[in-house]
Amino acid sequence: MAGTLDESLIYEILSVVEEIPEGRVATYGQIARLIGREKNARLVGRVLGMAEFYGSFPCHRVVNHAGRTAPGWEEQRVFLEGEGVVFRDNNHVDMKNFQWEC
């Protein structure tokens, strides 16, 4: 992954995250595919981990492929539920009904 992360790539990822509508979620892999880097879901996660240094983005709307929220970020569920997103269990979004169709 070294050498693949530059400012333009960071803003490309964050611009996709910014497009996720309220009340919907996207996956790391989905975002990677949208920017033409389908095998770089982890890179997307890495960028989201430092998104606060680039502005305010709705990173809480990004979950893993199974709808699982980020470990250790309890507020993510609160934010999503505040937008009307329903969970199947404690940590998994109902992807069938709340995944962003882009």
N, C-alpha and C. Protein backbone atom coordinates (compact mmCIF):
# COMPACT_ATOMS: atom_id res chain seq x y z
N MET A 1 0.81 -1.19 0.00
CA MET A 1 0.00 0.00 0.00
C MET A 1 0.86 1.25 0.00
N ALA A 2 2.10 1.11 0.38
CA ALA A 2 2.99 2.25 0.42
C ALA A 2 3.08 2.90 -0.95
N GLY A 3 3.03 4.20 -0.96
CA GLY A 3 3.14 4.94 -2.20
C GLY A 3 1.83 5.08 -2.97
N THR A 4 0.75 4.45 -2.51
CA THR A 4 -0.51 4.53 -3.23
C THR A 4 -1.45 5.59 -2.67
N LEU A 5 -1.11 6.15 -1.54
CA LEU A 5 -1.99 7.10 -0.88
C LEU A 5 -1.48 8.52 -1.09
N ASP A 6 -2.22 9.30 -1.89
CA ASP A 6 -1.87 10.70 -2.07
C ASP A 6 -3.12 11.55 -1.88
N GLU A 7 -2.94 12.84 -1.85
CA GLU A 7 -4.05 13.75 -1.57
C GLU A 7 -5.21 13.58 -2.54
N SER A 8 -4.92 13.40 -3.82
CA SER A 8 -6.02 13.28 -4.79
C SER A 8 -6.82 12.00 -4.54
N LEU A 9 -6.17 10.92 -4.18
CA LEU A 9 -6.88 9.68 -3.87
C LEU A 9 -7.71 9.84 -2.60
N ILE A 10 -7.17 10.48 -1.62
CA ILE A 10 -7.90 10.73 -0.37
C ILE A 10 -9.18 11.50 -0.66
N TYR A 11 -9.07 12.59 -1.42
CA TYR A 11 -10.25 13.38 -1.73
C TYR A 11 -11.21 12.66 -2.66
N GLU A 12 -10.72 11.78 -3.50
CA GLU A 12 -11.60 10.97 -4.36
C GLU A 12 -12.46 10.05 -3.49
N ILE A 13 -11.85 9.40 -2.53
CA ILE A 13 -12.59 8.52 -1.62
C ILE A 13 -13.58 9.33 -0.79
N LEU A 14 -13.13 10.43 -0.23
CA LEU A 14 -14.00 11.23 0.62
C LEU A 14 -15.15 11.86 -0.16
N SER A 15 -14.94 12.17 -1.43
CA SER A 15 -16.03 12.73 -2.23
C SER A 15 -17.12 11.69 -2.46
N VAL A 16 -16.75 10.42 -2.58
CA VAL A 16 -17.76 9.36 -2.71
C VAL A 16 -18.51 9.22 -1.38
N VAL A 17 -17.79 9.21 -0.28
CA VAL A 17 -18.42 9.11 1.04
C VAL A 17 -19.42 10.25 1.24
N GLU A 18 -19.07 11.41 0.77
CA GLU A 18 -19.93 12.58 0.90
C GLU A 18 -21.26 12.42 0.15
N GLU A 19 -21.27 11.56 -0.86
CA GLU A 19 -22.47 11.35 -1.68
C GLU A 19 -23.44 10.34 -1.08
N ILE A 20 -23.02 9.59 -0.06
CA ILE A 20 -23.92 8.59 0.53
C ILE A 20 -25.09 9.33 1.19
N PRO A 21 -26.31 9.03 0.75
CA PRO A 21 -27.46 9.76 1.30
C PRO A 21 -27.73 9.43 2.77
N GLU A 22 -28.30 10.37 3.45
CA GLU A 22 -28.72 10.16 4.83
C GLU A 22 -29.68 8.98 4.87
N GLY A 23 -29.50 8.11 5.87
CA GLY A 23 -30.37 6.95 6.01
C GLY A 23 -29.95 5.76 5.17
N ARG A 24 -28.78 5.85 4.55
CA ARG A 24 -28.23 4.76 3.74
C ARG A 24 -26.81 4.49 4.18
N VAL A 25 -26.31 3.27 3.86
CA VAL A 25 -24.92 2.93 4.13
C VAL A 25 -24.28 2.38 2.87
N ALA A 26 -22.97 2.47 2.83
CA ALA A 26 -22.18 1.87 1.75
C ALA A 26 -21.10 1.04 2.41
N THR A 27 -20.52 0.13 1.65
CA THR A 27 -19.44 -0.69 2.18
C THR A 27 -18.10 -0.13 1.72
N TYR A 28 -17.06 -0.54 2.42
CA TYR A 28 -15.70 -0.14 2.03
C TYR A 28 -15.43 -0.61 0.60
N GLY A 29 -15.82 -1.84 0.30
CA GLY A 29 -15.61 -2.40 -1.03
C GLY A 29 -16.40 -1.67 -2.09
N GLN A 30 -17.59 -1.27 -1.77
CA GLN A 30 -18.43 -0.52 -2.71
C GLN A 30 -17.76 0.80 -3.08
N ILE A 31 -17.22 1.48 -2.09
CA ILE A 31 -16.53 2.74 -2.35
C ILE A 31 -15.29 2.49 -3.19
N ALA A 32 -14.54 1.44 -2.86
CA ALA A 32 -13.35 1.09 -3.65
C ALA A 32 -13.73 0.85 -5.11
N ARG A 33 -14.81 0.12 -5.36
CA ARG A 33 -15.25 -0.13 -6.74
C ARG A 33 -15.63 1.17 -7.45
N LEU A 34 -16.30 2.06 -6.73
CA LEU A 34 -16.74 3.32 -7.34
C LEU A 34 -15.58 4.20 -7.78
N ILE A 35 -14.43 4.04 -7.15
CA ILE A 35 -13.27 4.85 -7.55
C ILE A 35 -12.34 4.06 -8.47
N GLY A 36 -12.78 2.86 -8.88
CA GLY A 36 -11.98 2.07 -9.81
C GLY A 36 -10.85 1.29 -9.18
N ARG A 37 -10.94 1.03 -7.87
CA ARG A 37 -9.91 0.27 -7.15
C ARG A 37 -10.58 -0.83 -6.35
N GLU A 38 -11.24 -1.75 -7.04
CA GLU A 38 -12.09 -2.72 -6.37
C GLU A 38 -11.39 -3.61 -5.36
N LYS A 39 -10.10 -3.74 -5.41
CA LYS A 39 -9.38 -4.58 -4.45
C LYS A 39 -8.79 -3.77 -3.28
N ASN A 40 -9.20 -2.53 -3.15
CA ASN A 40 -8.61 -1.67 -2.14
C ASN A 40 -9.58 -1.21 -1.05
N ALA A 41 -10.43 -2.13 -0.59
CA ALA A 41 -11.37 -1.79 0.49
C ALA A 41 -10.63 -1.36 1.75
N ARG A 42 -9.52 -2.00 2.04
CA ARG A 42 -8.75 -1.63 3.24
C ARG A 42 -8.16 -0.23 3.11
N LEU A 43 -7.80 0.14 1.93
CA LEU A 43 -7.30 1.49 1.69
C LEU A 43 -8.39 2.51 2.01
N VAL A 44 -9.62 2.20 1.60
CA VAL A 44 -10.75 3.07 1.92
C VAL A 44 -10.87 3.21 3.43
N GLY A 45 -10.79 2.11 4.15
CA GLY A 45 -10.86 2.16 5.60
C GLY A 45 -9.75 3.00 6.21
N ARG A 46 -8.57 2.88 5.65
CA ARG A 46 -7.43 3.67 6.13
C ARG A 46 -7.67 5.17 5.95
N VAL A 47 -8.20 5.53 4.80
CA VAL A 47 -8.51 6.94 4.54
C VAL A 47 -9.59 7.44 5.49
N LEU A 48 -10.62 6.64 5.69
CA LEU A 48 -11.70 7.07 6.59
C LEU A 48 -11.21 7.24 8.01
N GLY A 49 -10.20 6.49 8.39
CA GLY A 49 -9.63 6.61 9.72
C GLY A 49 -8.94 7.95 9.96
N MET A 50 -8.62 8.64 8.89
CA MET A 50 -7.97 9.95 9.05
C MET A 50 -8.78 11.07 8.38
N ALA A 51 -10.03 10.79 8.08
CA ALA A 51 -10.89 11.75 7.39
C ALA A 51 -11.07 13.06 8.15
N GLU A 52 -11.04 13.00 9.46
CA GLU A 52 -11.24 14.21 10.26
C GLU A 52 -10.20 15.30 9.97
N PHE A 53 -9.06 14.91 9.43
CA PHE A 53 -8.02 15.89 9.10
C PHE A 53 -8.31 16.61 7.79
N TYR A 54 -9.33 16.16 7.06
CA TYR A 54 -9.64 16.72 5.75
C TYR A 54 -10.99 17.42 5.70
N GLY A 55 -11.71 17.41 6.79
CA GLY A 55 -13.01 18.07 6.83
C GLY A 55 -14.04 17.19 7.52
N SER A 56 -15.30 17.53 7.30
CA SER A 56 -16.39 16.80 7.92
C SER A 56 -17.09 15.94 6.87
N PHE A 57 -17.03 14.64 7.05
CA PHE A 57 -17.60 13.70 6.10
C PHE A 57 -18.44 12.68 6.86
N PRO A 58 -19.49 12.15 6.25
CA PRO A 58 -20.36 11.19 6.93
C PRO A 58 -19.78 9.77 6.94
N CYS A 59 -18.62 9.62 7.53
CA CYS A 59 -17.93 8.32 7.57
C CYS A 59 -18.73 7.27 8.34
N HIS A 60 -19.64 7.71 9.19
CA HIS A 60 -20.47 6.76 9.93
C HIS A 60 -21.37 5.96 9.00
N ARG A 61 -21.53 6.39 7.77
CA ARG A 61 -22.38 5.68 6.81
C ARG A 61 -21.64 4.58 6.06
N VAL A 62 -20.43 4.26 6.47
CA VAL A 62 -19.64 3.21 5.82
C VAL A 62 -19.47 2.04 6.79
N VAL A 63 -19.82 0.84 6.31
CA VAL A 63 -19.75 -0.38 7.11
C VAL A 63 -19.05 -1.46 6.29
N ASN A 64 -18.78 -2.60 6.89
CA ASN A 64 -18.14 -3.67 6.12
C ASN A 64 -19.18 -4.39 5.25
N HIS A 65 -18.74 -5.36 4.48
CA HIS A 65 -19.62 -6.02 3.51
C HIS A 65 -20.83 -6.72 4.15
N ALA A 66 -20.71 -7.09 5.40
CA ALA A 66 -21.81 -7.75 6.11
C ALA A 66 -22.69 -6.76 6.86
N GLY A 67 -22.35 -5.48 6.78
CA GLY A 67 -23.11 -4.46 7.49
C GLY A 67 -22.63 -4.18 8.89
N ARG A 68 -21.48 -4.73 9.25
CA ARG A 68 -20.94 -4.55 10.60
C ARG A 68 -20.35 -3.16 10.77
N THR A 69 -20.63 -2.56 11.89
CA THR A 69 -20.08 -1.24 12.20
C THR A 69 -18.63 -1.38 12.62
N ALA A 70 -17.94 -0.26 12.68
CA ALA A 70 -16.53 -0.25 13.03
C ALA A 70 -16.34 -0.63 14.50
N PRO A 71 -15.47 -1.58 14.79
CA PRO A 71 -15.21 -1.96 16.19
C PRO A 71 -14.68 -0.77 16.99
N GLY A 72 -15.19 -0.62 18.19
CA GLY A 72 -14.71 0.44 19.07
C GLY A 72 -15.31 1.81 18.81
N TRP A 73 -16.23 1.91 17.85
CA TRP A 73 -16.86 3.21 17.56
C TRP A 73 -18.36 3.09 17.83
N GLU A 74 -18.72 3.09 19.10
CA GLU A 74 -20.10 2.91 19.51
C GLU A 74 -21.03 4.00 18.98
N GLU A 75 -20.50 5.20 18.79
CA GLU A 75 -21.32 6.31 18.30
C GLU A 75 -21.83 6.07 16.88
N GLN A 76 -21.15 5.23 16.12
CA GLN A 76 -21.55 4.99 14.74
C GLN A 76 -23.00 4.48 14.69
N ARG A 77 -23.33 3.56 15.55
CA ARG A 77 -24.70 3.04 15.58
C ARG A 77 -25.69 4.13 15.96
N VAL A 78 -25.33 4.95 16.92
CA VAL A 78 -26.20 6.05 17.35
C VAL A 78 -26.47 6.99 16.18
N PHE A 79 -25.42 7.36 15.45
CA PHE A 79 -25.57 8.24 14.28
C PHE A 79 -26.48 7.62 13.24
N LEU A 80 -26.26 6.34 12.94
CA LEU A 80 -27.05 5.66 11.91
C LEU A 80 -28.51 5.52 12.34
N GLU A 81 -28.74 5.13 13.57
CA GLU A 81 -30.12 5.02 14.05
C GLU A 81 -30.81 6.38 14.03
N GLY A 82 -30.06 7.44 14.30
CA GLY A 82 -30.62 8.78 14.23
C GLY A 82 -31.07 9.16 12.82
N GLU A 83 -30.53 8.48 11.82
CA GLU A 83 -30.91 8.70 10.43
C GLU A 83 -31.96 7.69 9.96
N GLY A 84 -32.43 6.85 10.88
CA GLY A 84 -33.47 5.89 10.55
C GLY A 84 -32.98 4.53 10.08
N VAL A 85 -31.67 4.28 10.14
CA VAL A 85 -31.12 2.99 9.72
C VAL A 85 -31.45 1.95 10.78
N VAL A 86 -31.92 0.78 10.33
CA VAL A 86 -32.31 -0.31 11.23
C VAL A 86 -31.20 -1.36 11.26
N PHE A 87 -30.99 -1.93 12.43
CA PHE A 87 -29.98 -2.97 12.63
C PHE A 87 -30.64 -4.33 12.78
N ARG A 88 -29.98 -5.37 12.23
CA ARG A 88 -30.45 -6.76 12.38
C ARG A 88 -30.14 -7.27 13.77
N ASP A 89 -29.00 -6.85 14.33
CA ASP A 89 -28.59 -7.24 15.67
C ASP A 89 -27.73 -6.11 16.22
N ASN A 90 -26.96 -6.37 17.24
CA ASN A 90 -26.20 -5.31 17.89
C ASN A 90 -25.24 -4.55 16.99
N ASN A 91 -24.63 -5.22 16.02
CA ASN A 91 -23.59 -4.55 15.24
C ASN A 91 -23.78 -4.59 13.73
N HIS A 92 -24.88 -5.10 13.23
CA HIS A 92 -25.04 -5.28 11.80
C HIS A 92 -26.25 -4.52 11.24
N VAL A 93 -25.98 -3.67 10.28
CA VAL A 93 -27.04 -2.92 9.60
C VAL A 93 -27.83 -3.89 8.73
N ASP A 94 -29.11 -3.63 8.59
CA ASP A 94 -29.97 -4.39 7.66
C ASP A 94 -29.61 -3.93 6.24
N MET A 95 -28.63 -4.62 5.65
CA MET A 95 -28.09 -4.21 4.34
C MET A 95 -29.12 -4.34 3.23
N LYS A 96 -30.01 -5.29 3.34
CA LYS A 96 -31.01 -5.51 2.30
C LYS A 96 -31.86 -4.25 2.10
N ASN A 97 -32.14 -3.57 3.18
CA ASN A 97 -33.03 -2.41 3.12
C ASN A 97 -32.33 -1.05 3.20
N PHE A 98 -31.07 -1.02 3.61
CA PHE A 98 -30.43 0.27 3.84
C PHE A 98 -29.13 0.50 3.08
N GLN A 99 -28.72 -0.47 2.24
CA GLN A 99 -27.50 -0.24 1.45
C GLN A 99 -27.80 0.74 0.33
N TRP A 100 -26.88 1.66 0.14
CA TRP A 100 -26.97 2.67 -0.91
C TRP A 100 -26.87 2.00 -2.26
N GLU A 101 -27.85 2.25 -3.11
CA GLU A 101 -27.84 1.74 -4.47
C GLU A 101 -27.31 2.85 -5.37
N CYS A 102 -26.08 2.74 -5.75
CA CYS A 102 -25.47 3.79 -6.56
C CYS A 102 -25.06 3.28 -7.92
